[in-house]
Amino acid sequence: MPADDIRPDPRPPKWRPRPMLPSLSRAVAELGALRGLMSAGAHGALQAYVAESTGTPVLLIPGFLAGDRSLQPLARRLAVSGYRPCPAGIERNVDCSESVTGRLAERLEAIVCDHGRPVPVVGHSRGGMLAQVLARRRPDLVSALVTIAAPRREPLALQPALLASTLSLAVAGSVGVRGVIRYSCAFGRCCEAFRSDLATPVAVNLPYLNVYSRRDGIVDWHACLDHGADNVEVEASHCGMAAHAGTYEAIAAGLRAVGPPDGLARAA
């Protein structure tokens, strides 16, 4: 891709673990909400969010430890507005980034093949980083990129309890447990290409909205800023950001700027 098609961003992501220390009340509230999102994932991945839909597809990618069902509130709002929210097919987002990205690319290809043209991609937290890499690798499939509370600048700047859980999962993956992250995902060859693509800015001609909150109690909100995006601040928690009215208003405005939805959908 020509250099003048790339947004300049001189700071590469930092992958060192760093505890992020929110207030005690905020940390307790966020962890309680996160447990709820994880419990929803126990019911499995989704094949569809809506019963009937002919609108413009929007691929939704959930955050770390969560699954498709965590984005149902956002999906309902999109459906009512005339979009067809499409689940990523993720039961619980804990697998190696490179493996997940490969499956997401196949899912996105199928959606675009059915629709006939590129579609918007929306990702929450880790899902936002996955969405960024998808947009970088397959710009032919993505019409707009939306990231919500995605700590691209410092992916491991996390609330201490979540950071401990993340490192524990990485230990399990490193000793052979299948379907979970490994230490090599952040520091070795496993996801070297993923890390490189995450550090590479997306094309300047791709509409790119980035939503963040200073009230985020899971990741350092500074790590969510992207100088190549249209950054929008909302007053919401990390786990509640995807369901927040301000977040949806920003997303809806961004999607309308790309083009109106093709139809109306009925939420399931």
C-alpha atoms as a PDB file:
ATOM      1  CA  MET A   1       0.000   0.000   0.000  1.00  0.00           C
ATOM      2  CA  PRO A   2       1.451   3.440  -0.890  1.00  0.00           C
ATOM      3  CA  ALA A   3       2.942   5.417   1.977  1.00  0.00           C
ATOM      4  CA  ASP A   4       0.530   8.303   1.457  1.00  0.00           C
ATOM      5  CA  ASP A   5      -2.379   5.908   2.081  1.00  0.00           C
ATOM      6  CA  ILE A   6      -1.161   5.159   5.619  1.00  0.00           C
ATOM      7  CA  ARG A   7      -2.000   7.194   8.706  1.00  0.00           C
ATOM      8  CA  PRO A   8       1.210   8.230  10.515  1.00  0.00           C
ATOM      9  CA  ASP A   9       1.556   6.832  14.058  1.00  0.00           C
ATOM     10  CA  PRO A  10       5.121   6.854  15.377  1.00  0.00           C
ATOM     11  CA  ARG A  11       4.495   4.881  18.587  1.00  0.00           C
ATOM     12  CA  PRO A  12       4.531   1.065  18.301  1.00  0.00           C
ATOM     13  CA  PRO A  13       2.373  -0.905  20.759  1.00  0.00           C
ATOM     14  CA  LYS A  14       4.018  -1.981  24.007  1.00  0.00           C
ATOM     15  CA  TRP A  15       3.420  -5.616  24.990  1.00  0.00           C
ATOM     16  CA  ARG A  16       4.943  -5.663  28.476  1.00  0.00           C
ATOM     17  CA  PRO A  17       2.508  -6.558  31.314  1.00  0.00           C
ATOM     18  CA  ARG A  18       1.611  -3.496  33.386  1.00  0.00           C
ATOM     19  CA  PRO A  19      -0.989  -3.458  36.198  1.00  0.00           C
ATOM     20  CA  MET A  20      -3.503  -0.647  35.750  1.00  0.00           C
ATOM     21  CA  LEU A  21      -4.843   0.530  39.106  1.00  0.00           C
ATOM     22  CA  PRO A  22      -8.416   1.909  39.048  1.00  0.00           C
ATOM     23  CA  SER A  23     -10.280   2.879  42.200  1.00  0.00           C
ATOM     24  CA  LEU A  24     -11.447  -0.066  44.331  1.00  0.00           C
ATOM     25  CA  SER A  25     -15.143   0.613  43.700  1.00  0.00           C
ATOM     26  CA  ARG A  26     -14.600   0.856  39.955  1.00  0.00           C
ATOM     27  CA  ALA A  27     -12.529  -2.327  39.905  1.00  0.00           C
ATOM     28  CA  VAL A  28     -15.154  -4.279  41.856  1.00  0.00           C
ATOM     29  CA  ALA A  29     -17.947  -3.058  39.584  1.00  0.00           C
ATOM     30  CA  GLU A  30     -16.005  -3.887  36.416  1.00  0.00           C
ATOM     31  CA  LEU A  31     -15.040  -7.370  37.585  1.00  0.00           C
ATOM     32  CA  GLY A  32     -18.649  -8.092  38.528  1.00  0.00           C
ATOM     33  CA  ALA A  33     -19.792  -7.022  35.071  1.00  0.00           C
ATOM     34  CA  LEU A  34     -17.041  -9.089  33.463  1.00  0.00           C
ATOM     35  CA  ARG A  35     -18.216 -12.203  35.301  1.00  0.00           C
ATOM     36  CA  GLY A  36     -21.658 -11.598  33.844  1.00  0.00           C
ATOM     37  CA  LEU A  37     -20.258 -11.358  30.317  1.00  0.00           C
ATOM     38  CA  MET A  38     -18.268 -14.544  30.841  1.00  0.00           C
ATOM     39  CA  SER A  39     -21.360 -16.377  32.134  1.00  0.00           C
ATOM     40  CA  ALA A  40     -23.254 -15.425  28.989  1.00  0.00           C
ATOM     41  CA  GLY A  41     -20.522 -17.117  26.949  1.00  0.00           C
ATOM     42  CA  ALA A  42     -21.334 -20.436  28.610  1.00  0.00           C
ATOM     43  CA  HIS A  43     -24.405 -20.636  26.362  1.00  0.00           C
ATOM     44  CA  GLY A  44     -22.230 -20.908  23.251  1.00  0.00           C
ATOM     45  CA  ALA A  45     -21.515 -18.869  20.148  1.00  0.00           C
ATOM     46  CA  LEU A  46     -24.314 -17.430  18.038  1.00  0.00           C
ATOM     47  CA  GLN A  47     -25.243 -18.081  14.428  1.00  0.00           C
ATOM     48  CA  ALA A  48     -27.288 -14.876  14.183  1.00  0.00           C
ATOM     49  CA  TYR A  49     -28.379 -11.966  16.366  1.00  0.00           C
ATOM     50  CA  VAL A  50     -31.751 -11.244  14.761  1.00  0.00           C
ATOM     51  CA  ALA A  51     -34.698 -13.323  13.643  1.00  0.00           C
ATOM     52  CA  GLU A  52     -35.219 -11.495  10.349  1.00  0.00           C
ATOM     53  CA  SER A  53     -32.958  -9.000   8.648  1.00  0.00           C
ATOM     54  CA  THR A  54     -32.263  -7.639   5.192  1.00  0.00           C
ATOM     55  CA  GLY A  55     -30.166  -4.661   6.274  1.00  0.00           C
ATOM     56  CA  THR A  56     -26.500  -3.844   5.820  1.00  0.00           C
ATOM     57  CA  PRO A  57     -24.407  -6.445   7.676  1.00  0.00           C
ATOM     58  CA  VAL A  58     -22.153  -5.321  10.532  1.00  0.00           C
ATOM     59  CA  LEU A  59     -19.662  -7.837  11.939  1.00  0.00           C
ATOM     60  CA  LEU A  60     -19.444  -7.623  15.753  1.00  0.00           C
ATOM     61  CA  ILE A  61     -16.342  -8.992  17.535  1.00  0.00           C
ATOM     62  CA  PRO A  62     -16.501  -9.457  21.342  1.00  0.00           C
ATOM     63  CA  GLY A  63     -13.792  -8.691  23.885  1.00  0.00           C
ATOM     64  CA  PHE A  64     -11.364 -10.873  25.811  1.00  0.00           C
ATOM     65  CA  LEU A  65     -12.996 -13.692  27.847  1.00  0.00           C
ATOM     66  CA  ALA A  66     -16.411 -12.743  26.415  1.00  0.00           C
ATOM     67  CA  GLY A  67     -18.430 -14.137  23.507  1.00  0.00           C
ATOM     68  CA  ASP A  68     -20.988 -13.136  20.916  1.00  0.00           C
ATOM     69  CA  ARG A  69     -23.747 -12.785  23.488  1.00  0.00           C
ATOM     70  CA  SER A  70     -21.909  -9.965  25.268  1.00  0.00           C
ATOM     71  CA  LEU A  71     -22.703  -7.699  22.297  1.00  0.00           C
ATOM     72  CA  GLN A  72     -26.428  -8.485  22.115  1.00  0.00           C
ATOM     73  CA  PRO A  73     -27.494  -5.024  23.439  1.00  0.00           C
ATOM     74  CA  LEU A  74     -25.497  -3.326  20.682  1.00  0.00           C
ATOM     75  CA  ALA A  75     -26.811  -5.822  18.138  1.00  0.00           C
ATOM     76  CA  ARG A  76     -30.421  -5.028  19.080  1.00  0.00           C
ATOM     77  CA  ARG A  77     -29.850  -1.293  18.592  1.00  0.00           C
ATOM     78  CA  LEU A  78     -28.239  -1.879  15.218  1.00  0.00           C
ATOM     79  CA  ALA A  79     -31.076  -4.157  14.130  1.00  0.00           C
ATOM     80  CA  VAL A  80     -33.732  -1.591  15.059  1.00  0.00           C
ATOM     81  CA  SER A  81     -31.803   1.005  13.035  1.00  0.00           C
ATOM     82  CA  GLY A  82     -31.875  -1.122   9.905  1.00  0.00           C
ATOM     83  CA  TYR A  83     -28.571  -2.987  10.074  1.00  0.00           C
ATOM     84  CA  ARG A  84     -27.985  -6.734  10.186  1.00  0.00           C
ATOM     85  CA  PRO A  85     -25.621  -7.408  13.091  1.00  0.00           C
ATOM     86  CA  CYS A  86     -23.560 -10.521  12.440  1.00  0.00           C
ATOM     87  CA  PRO A  87     -21.908 -12.488  15.285  1.00  0.00           C
ATOM     88  CA  ALA A  88     -18.277 -13.453  14.994  1.00  0.00           C
ATOM     89  CA  GLY A  89     -18.996 -17.047  15.988  1.00  0.00           C
ATOM     90  CA  ILE A  90     -16.964 -16.744  19.187  1.00  0.00           C
ATOM     91  CA  GLU A  91     -18.068 -18.554  22.337  1.00  0.00           C
ATOM     92  CA  ARG A  92     -15.273 -17.138  24.481  1.00  0.00           C
ATOM     93  CA  ASN A  93     -12.526 -14.895  23.112  1.00  0.00           C
ATOM     94  CA  VAL A  94      -9.427 -16.537  24.626  1.00  0.00           C
ATOM     95  CA  ASP A  95      -7.690 -18.204  21.674  1.00  0.00           C
ATOM     96  CA  CYS A  96      -4.422 -17.224  20.008  1.00  0.00           C
ATOM     97  CA  SER A  97      -4.828 -13.915  18.140  1.00  0.00           C
ATOM     98  CA  GLU A  98      -3.510 -15.304  14.862  1.00  0.00           C
ATOM     99  CA  SER A  99      -5.891 -18.266  14.980  1.00  0.00           C
ATOM    100  CA  VAL A 100      -8.884 -16.074  15.820  1.00  0.00           C
ATOM    101  CA  THR A 101      -8.023 -13.584  13.090  1.00  0.00           C
ATOM    102  CA  GLY A 102      -7.876 -16.359  10.511  1.00  0.00           C
ATOM    103  CA  ARG A 103     -11.342 -17.599  11.446  1.00  0.00           C
ATOM    104  CA  LEU A 104     -12.700 -14.043  11.493  1.00  0.00           C
ATOM    105  CA  ALA A 105     -11.329 -13.429   8.000  1.00  0.00           C
ATOM    106  CA  GLU A 106     -13.235 -16.487   6.755  1.00  0.00           C
ATOM    107  CA  ARG A 107     -16.393 -15.289   8.514  1.00  0.00           C
ATOM    108  CA  LEU A 108     -16.011 -11.806   7.026  1.00  0.00           C
ATOM    109  CA  GLU A 109     -15.429 -13.214   3.540  1.00  0.00           C
ATOM    110  CA  ALA A 110     -18.670 -15.194   3.760  1.00  0.00           C
ATOM    111  CA  ILE A 111     -20.633 -12.132   4.903  1.00  0.00           C
ATOM    112  CA  VAL A 112     -19.220  -9.944   2.131  1.00  0.00           C
ATOM    113  CA  CYS A 113     -19.803 -12.655  -0.476  1.00  0.00           C
ATOM    114  CA  ASP A 114     -23.451 -12.849   0.571  1.00  0.00           C
ATOM    115  CA  HIS A 115     -23.887  -9.064   0.734  1.00  0.00           C
ATOM    116  CA  GLY A 116     -21.984  -8.214  -2.419  1.00  0.00           C
ATOM    117  CA  ARG A 117     -19.824  -5.414  -1.041  1.00  0.00           C
ATOM    118  CA  PRO A 118     -17.574  -4.542   1.944  1.00  0.00           C
ATOM    119  CA  VAL A 119     -19.205  -4.198   5.369  1.00  0.00           C
ATOM    120  CA  PRO A 120     -18.466  -2.365   8.646  1.00  0.00           C
ATOM    121  CA  VAL A 121     -16.603  -4.192  11.422  1.00  0.00           C
ATOM    122  CA  VAL A 122     -17.098  -3.313  15.109  1.00  0.00           C
ATOM    123  CA  GLY A 123     -14.893  -4.725  17.882  1.00  0.00           C
ATOM    124  CA  HIS A 124     -14.992  -4.347  21.668  1.00  0.00           C
ATOM    125  CA  SER A 125     -11.752  -4.416  23.707  1.00  0.00           C
ATOM    126  CA  ARG A 126      -9.596  -7.273  22.344  1.00  0.00           C
ATOM    127  CA  GLY A 127     -12.200  -7.584  19.603  1.00  0.00           C
ATOM    128  CA  GLY A 128     -11.275  -4.061  18.520  1.00  0.00           C
ATOM    129  CA  MET A 129      -7.643  -5.070  18.068  1.00  0.00           C
ATOM    130  CA  LEU A 130      -8.728  -8.092  16.058  1.00  0.00           C
ATOM    131  CA  ALA A 131     -10.912  -5.795  13.947  1.00  0.00           C
ATOM    132  CA  GLN A 132      -7.952  -3.483  13.313  1.00  0.00           C
ATOM    133  CA  VAL A 133      -5.811  -6.341  12.031  1.00  0.00           C
ATOM    134  CA  LEU A 134      -8.687  -7.575   9.851  1.00  0.00           C
ATOM    135  CA  ALA A 135      -9.027  -4.105   8.334  1.00  0.00           C
ATOM    136  CA  ARG A 136      -5.289  -3.927   7.750  1.00  0.00           C
ATOM    137  CA  ARG A 137      -5.085  -7.365   6.103  1.00  0.00           C
ATOM    138  CA  ARG A 138      -8.350  -7.320   4.168  1.00  0.00           C
ATOM    139  CA  PRO A 139      -9.239  -3.713   3.312  1.00  0.00           C
ATOM    140  CA  ASP A 140     -11.203  -5.073   0.357  1.00  0.00           C
ATOM    141  CA  LEU A 141     -13.743  -6.537   2.806  1.00  0.00           C
ATOM    142  CA  VAL A 142     -14.132  -3.643   5.282  1.00  0.00           C
ATOM    143  CA  SER A 143     -16.128  -0.476   4.591  1.00  0.00           C
ATOM    144  CA  ALA A 144     -15.682   1.054   8.066  1.00  0.00           C
ATOM    145  CA  LEU A 145     -13.847   0.221  11.288  1.00  0.00           C
ATOM    146  CA  VAL A 146     -15.172   0.858  14.813  1.00  0.00           C
ATOM    147  CA  THR A 147     -13.188   0.015  17.937  1.00  0.00           C
ATOM    148  CA  ILE A 148     -14.558   0.269  21.493  1.00  0.00           C
ATOM    149  CA  ALA A 149     -12.215   0.345  24.505  1.00  0.00           C
ATOM    150  CA  ALA A 150      -9.467  -1.343  22.485  1.00  0.00           C
ATOM    151  CA  PRO A 151      -6.033  -0.950  24.160  1.00  0.00           C
ATOM    152  CA  ARG A 152      -4.004  -1.113  20.950  1.00  0.00           C
ATOM    153  CA  ARG A 153      -1.211   1.093  22.314  1.00  0.00           C
ATOM    154  CA  GLU A 154      -0.574  -1.159  25.339  1.00  0.00           C
ATOM    155  CA  PRO A 155      -2.606  -4.406  25.227  1.00  0.00           C
ATOM    156  CA  LEU A 156      -1.363  -5.680  28.602  1.00  0.00           C
ATOM    157  CA  ALA A 157      -2.008  -2.518  30.630  1.00  0.00           C
ATOM    158  CA  LEU A 158      -4.791  -4.246  32.553  1.00  0.00           C
ATOM    159  CA  GLN A 159      -6.602  -4.223  35.881  1.00  0.00           C
ATOM    160  CA  PRO A 160      -4.441  -6.462  38.167  1.00  0.00           C
ATOM    161  CA  ALA A 161      -6.955  -9.294  38.614  1.00  0.00           C
ATOM    162  CA  LEU A 162      -7.563  -9.496  34.867  1.00  0.00           C
ATOM    163  CA  LEU A 163      -3.832  -9.274  34.167  1.00  0.00           C
ATOM    164  CA  ALA A 164      -3.245 -12.199  36.554  1.00  0.00           C
ATOM    165  CA  SER A 165      -5.978 -14.218  34.813  1.00  0.00           C
ATOM    166  CA  THR A 166      -4.485 -13.389  31.422  1.00  0.00           C
ATOM    167  CA  LEU A 167      -1.014 -14.515  32.468  1.00  0.00           C
ATOM    168  CA  SER A 168      -2.488 -17.693  33.987  1.00  0.00           C
ATOM    169  CA  LEU A 169      -4.236 -18.501  30.718  1.00  0.00           C
ATOM    170  CA  ALA A 170      -0.968 -17.899  28.886  1.00  0.00           C
ATOM    171  CA  VAL A 171       0.752 -20.416  31.178  1.00  0.00           C
ATOM    172  CA  ALA A 172      -1.937 -22.990  30.407  1.00  0.00           C
ATOM    173  CA  GLY A 173      -1.620 -22.388  26.681  1.00  0.00           C
ATOM    174  CA  SER A 174       2.159 -22.541  26.847  1.00  0.00           C
ATOM    175  CA  VAL A 175       2.110 -25.999  28.461  1.00  0.00           C
ATOM    176  CA  GLY A 176      -0.221 -27.419  25.829  1.00  0.00           C
ATOM    177  CA  VAL A 177      -3.819 -26.510  26.661  1.00  0.00           C
ATOM    178  CA  ARG A 178      -5.503 -25.988  23.300  1.00  0.00           C
ATOM    179  CA  GLY A 179      -7.687 -23.048  22.369  1.00  0.00           C
ATOM    180  CA  VAL A 180      -6.155 -20.452  24.710  1.00  0.00           C
ATOM    181  CA  ILE A 181      -3.492 -17.772  24.436  1.00  0.00           C
ATOM    182  CA  ARG A 182       0.206 -18.532  24.997  1.00  0.00           C
ATOM    183  CA  TYR A 183       3.151 -16.420  26.095  1.00  0.00           C
ATOM    184  CA  SER A 184       4.416 -16.605  22.519  1.00  0.00           C
ATOM    185  CA  CYS A 185       1.294 -14.707  21.433  1.00  0.00           C
ATOM    186  CA  ALA A 186       2.744 -11.574  23.045  1.00  0.00           C
ATOM    187  CA  PHE A 187       6.476 -12.242  23.036  1.00  0.00           C
ATOM    188  CA  GLY A 188       7.307 -14.995  20.538  1.00  0.00           C
ATOM    189  CA  ARG A 189       6.783 -16.092  16.964  1.00  0.00           C
ATOM    190  CA  CYS A 190       3.212 -17.366  17.438  1.00  0.00           C
ATOM    191  CA  CYS A 191       1.531 -14.007  16.759  1.00  0.00           C
ATOM    192  CA  GLU A 192       4.504 -12.072  15.395  1.00  0.00           C
ATOM    193  CA  ALA A 193       2.614 -11.213  12.203  1.00  0.00           C
ATOM    194  CA  PHE A 194      -0.438 -10.167  14.206  1.00  0.00           C
ATOM    195  CA  ARG A 195       1.616  -7.834  16.386  1.00  0.00           C
ATOM    196  CA  SER A 196       3.261  -6.340  13.316  1.00  0.00           C
ATOM    197  CA  ASP A 197      -0.093  -5.715  11.625  1.00  0.00           C
ATOM    198  CA  LEU A 198      -1.548  -4.225  14.814  1.00  0.00           C
ATOM    199  CA  ALA A 199       1.357  -1.765  14.857  1.00  0.00           C
ATOM    200  CA  THR A 200       0.722  -0.803  11.233  1.00  0.00           C
ATOM    201  CA  PRO A 201      -1.889   1.960  10.821  1.00  0.00           C
ATOM    202  CA  VAL A 202      -4.968   1.299   8.714  1.00  0.00           C
ATOM    203  CA  ALA A 203      -5.481   3.031   5.367  1.00  0.00           C
ATOM    204  CA  VAL A 204      -6.335   6.722   5.548  1.00  0.00           C
ATOM    205  CA  ASN A 205      -9.330   6.258   3.241  1.00  0.00           C
ATOM    206  CA  LEU A 206     -11.017   3.810   5.635  1.00  0.00           C
ATOM    207  CA  PRO A 207     -13.508   5.478   8.013  1.00  0.00           C
ATOM    208  CA  TYR A 208     -12.194   4.659  11.488  1.00  0.00           C
ATOM    209  CA  LEU A 209     -14.034   5.482  14.716  1.00  0.00           C
ATOM    210  CA  ASN A 210     -12.440   4.800  18.102  1.00  0.00           C
ATOM    211  CA  VAL A 211     -14.563   4.984  21.290  1.00  0.00           C
ATOM    212  CA  TYR A 212     -12.928   5.204  24.729  1.00  0.00           C
ATOM    213  CA  SER A 213     -13.734   6.251  28.296  1.00  0.00           C
ATOM    214  CA  ARG A 214     -11.669   7.783  31.091  1.00  0.00           C
ATOM    215  CA  ARG A 215     -13.888   5.760  33.457  1.00  0.00           C
ATOM    216  CA  ASP A 216     -12.543   2.496  32.044  1.00  0.00           C
ATOM    217  CA  GLY A 217     -11.722   0.212  34.970  1.00  0.00           C
ATOM    218  CA  ILE A 218     -10.253  -2.692  32.984  1.00  0.00           C
ATOM    219  CA  VAL A 219      -7.664  -1.158  30.644  1.00  0.00           C
ATOM    220  CA  ASP A 220      -5.678   2.078  30.744  1.00  0.00           C
ATOM    221  CA  TRP A 221      -7.758   4.500  28.688  1.00  0.00           C
ATOM    222  CA  HIS A 222      -4.594   6.163  27.381  1.00  0.00           C
ATOM    223  CA  ALA A 223      -3.774   2.856  25.670  1.00  0.00           C
ATOM    224  CA  CYS A 224      -7.070   3.087  23.757  1.00  0.00           C
ATOM    225  CA  LEU A 225      -6.281   6.361  21.993  1.00  0.00           C
ATOM    226  CA  ASP A 226      -5.349   6.130  18.323  1.00  0.00           C
ATOM    227  CA  HIS A 227      -4.062   9.215  16.540  1.00  0.00           C
ATOM    228  CA  GLY A 228      -5.164   7.772  13.215  1.00  0.00           C
ATOM    229  CA  ALA A 229      -8.818   7.473  14.255  1.00  0.00           C
ATOM    230  CA  ASP A 230     -11.735   9.737  15.022  1.00  0.00           C
ATOM    231  CA  ASN A 231     -11.537   9.388  18.822  1.00  0.00           C
ATOM    232  CA  VAL A 232     -14.829   9.795  20.703  1.00  0.00           C
ATOM    233  CA  GLU A 233     -15.001   9.846  24.502  1.00  0.00           C
ATOM    234  CA  VAL A 234     -18.039   8.492  26.364  1.00  0.00           C
ATOM    235  CA  GLU A 235     -18.932   8.271  30.061  1.00  0.00           C
ATOM    236  CA  ALA A 236     -19.078   4.511  30.527  1.00  0.00           C
ATOM    237  CA  SER A 237     -17.350   1.561  32.152  1.00  0.00           C
ATOM    238  CA  HIS A 238     -15.244  -0.831  30.085  1.00  0.00           C
ATOM    239  CA  CYS A 239     -17.706  -3.723  30.264  1.00  0.00           C
ATOM    240  CA  GLY A 240     -20.702  -1.450  29.761  1.00  0.00           C
ATOM    241  CA  MET A 241     -19.269   0.637  26.947  1.00  0.00           C
ATOM    242  CA  ALA A 242     -20.616  -1.467  24.080  1.00  0.00           C
ATOM    243  CA  ALA A 243     -24.144  -1.143  25.511  1.00  0.00           C
ATOM    244  CA  HIS A 244     -23.861   2.557  26.366  1.00  0.00           C
ATOM    245  CA  ALA A 245     -26.214   4.969  24.598  1.00  0.00           C
ATOM    246  CA  GLY A 246     -23.403   7.401  23.843  1.00  0.00           C
ATOM    247  CA  THR A 247     -21.361   4.647  22.243  1.00  0.00           C
ATOM    248  CA  TYR A 248     -24.240   3.622  20.014  1.00  0.00           C
ATOM    249  CA  GLU A 249     -24.935   7.223  19.000  1.00  0.00           C
ATOM    250  CA  ALA A 250     -21.306   7.626  17.939  1.00  0.00           C
ATOM    251  CA  ILE A 251     -21.378   4.320  16.042  1.00  0.00           C
ATOM    252  CA  ALA A 252     -24.672   5.120  14.341  1.00  0.00           C
ATOM    253  CA  ALA A 253     -23.386   8.512  13.203  1.00  0.00           C
ATOM    254  CA  GLY A 254     -20.198   6.937  11.893  1.00  0.00           C
ATOM    255  CA  LEU A 255     -22.055   4.217  10.003  1.00  0.00           C
ATOM    256  CA  ARG A 256     -24.525   6.695   8.510  1.00  0.00           C
ATOM    257  CA  ALA A 257     -21.588   8.705   7.178  1.00  0.00           C
ATOM    258  CA  VAL A 258     -20.483   5.612   5.244  1.00  0.00           C
ATOM    259  CA  GLY A 259     -23.969   4.981   3.896  1.00  0.00           C
ATOM    260  CA  PRO A 260     -27.549   4.396   5.084  1.00  0.00           C
ATOM    261  CA  PRO A 261     -28.625   0.894   6.149  1.00  0.00           C
ATOM    262  CA  ASP A 262     -30.275  -1.236   3.490  1.00  0.00           C
ATOM    263  CA  GLY A 263     -33.352  -2.124   5.494  1.00  0.00           C
ATOM    264  CA  LEU A 264     -35.005  -2.600   8.859  1.00  0.00           C
ATOM    265  CA  ALA A 265     -34.551  -5.598  11.092  1.00  0.00           C
ATOM    266  CA  ARG A 266     -36.544  -7.121  13.952  1.00  0.00           C
ATOM    267  CA  ALA A 267     -34.504  -7.916  17.034  1.00  0.00           C
ATOM    268  CA  ALA A 268     -34.735 -11.512  18.255  1.00  0.00           C
END
